[in-house]
């Protein structure tokens, strides 16, 4: 299961964990992901997306059907 937001297309980024002695160790900064179900009224069905908290805010602001239309223009596929 990949850690990837299906709306914003963001992935984990690499960075350094820095200790008090300024030792640097590689680490990943993960997204705040959650599996969320959305209802499409035009198709009368539920879809499940793995979205970040920023993606949920975008969906609440614009709407799921408009977001899916914009993502289809970018040729992203959803299950």
Protein backbone atom coordinates (compact mmCIF):
# COMPACT_ATOMS: atom_id res chain seq x y z
CA UNK A 1 0.00 0.00 0.00
CA UNK A 2 1.72 3.15 -1.19
CA UNK A 3 1.69 6.31 0.90
CA UNK A 4 0.37 8.63 -1.79
CA UNK A 5 -2.51 11.13 -1.89
CA UNK A 6 -4.79 10.43 -4.86
CA UNK A 7 -6.07 14.02 -5.03
CA UNK A 8 -2.98 16.18 -4.49
CA UNK A 9 -0.49 13.56 -5.83
CA UNK A 10 1.85 14.20 -2.93
CA UNK A 11 4.34 11.58 -1.75
CA UNK A 12 6.56 11.27 1.32
CA UNK A 13 9.64 13.48 1.22
CA UNK A 14 13.14 12.68 2.45
CA UNK A 15 14.90 14.75 5.07
CA UNK A 16 17.26 14.58 8.00
CA UNK A 17 16.64 13.79 11.65
CA UNK A 18 19.07 16.05 13.50
CA UNK A 19 20.16 15.21 17.03
CA UNK A 20 21.27 17.62 19.72
CA UNK A 21 24.90 16.86 18.76
CA UNK A 22 24.00 17.81 15.15
CA UNK A 23 24.24 14.21 13.87
CA UNK A 24 22.17 13.80 10.73
CA UNK A 25 20.22 10.61 9.99
CA UNK A 26 18.04 10.14 6.89
CA UNK A 27 14.30 9.81 7.49
CA UNK A 28 10.99 10.18 5.67
CA UNK A 29 8.29 12.74 6.33
CA UNK A 30 4.98 10.94 5.72
CA UNK A 31 1.65 12.49 4.81
CA UNK A 32 -1.40 12.52 7.04
CA UNK A 33 -3.34 9.96 4.95
CA UNK A 34 -6.72 8.41 5.56
CA UNK A 35 -9.04 6.18 3.54
CA UNK A 36 -12.26 8.10 2.95
CA UNK A 37 -15.50 7.16 1.20
CA UNK A 38 -17.25 9.72 -0.99
CA UNK A 39 -20.69 9.44 -2.56
CA UNK A 40 -21.13 10.42 -6.22
CA UNK A 41 -24.70 11.63 -6.70
CA UNK A 42 -24.63 11.57 -10.52
CA UNK A 43 -23.45 7.95 -10.69
CA UNK A 44 -25.26 6.95 -7.49
CA UNK A 45 -22.30 5.02 -6.05
CA UNK A 46 -19.61 5.21 -3.38
CA UNK A 47 -15.89 5.49 -4.12
CA UNK A 48 -13.02 5.03 -1.69
CA UNK A 49 -10.00 7.28 -1.99
CA UNK A 50 -6.79 7.52 -0.02
CA UNK A 51 -6.46 11.25 0.62
CA UNK A 52 -4.40 13.54 2.81
CA UNK A 53 -5.95 16.03 5.18
CA UNK A 54 -5.18 18.79 2.65
CA UNK A 55 -6.98 16.74 -0.01
CA UNK A 56 -10.07 16.44 2.21
CA UNK A 57 -10.10 20.22 2.66
CA UNK A 58 -9.90 20.71 -1.11
CA UNK A 59 -12.79 18.27 -1.64
CA UNK A 60 -14.90 20.05 0.99
CA UNK A 61 -14.21 23.40 -0.66
CA UNK A 62 -14.71 22.51 -4.34
CA UNK A 63 -16.71 19.27 -4.31
CA UNK A 64 -15.86 15.66 -5.13
CA UNK A 65 -17.41 15.60 -8.60
CA UNK A 66 -15.55 18.70 -9.78
CA UNK A 67 -12.28 17.34 -8.34
CA UNK A 68 -12.74 14.04 -10.18
CA UNK A 69 -13.44 15.93 -13.41
CA UNK A 70 -10.24 17.96 -13.00
CA UNK A 71 -8.25 14.82 -12.18
CA UNK A 72 -9.57 13.09 -15.31
CA UNK A 73 -8.20 15.99 -17.36
CA UNK A 74 -4.81 15.26 -15.80
CA UNK A 75 -5.41 11.56 -16.66
CA UNK A 76 -5.36 10.25 -13.11
CA UNK A 77 -7.32 7.07 -12.52
CA UNK A 78 -9.47 6.18 -9.54
CA UNK A 79 -10.89 2.83 -8.54
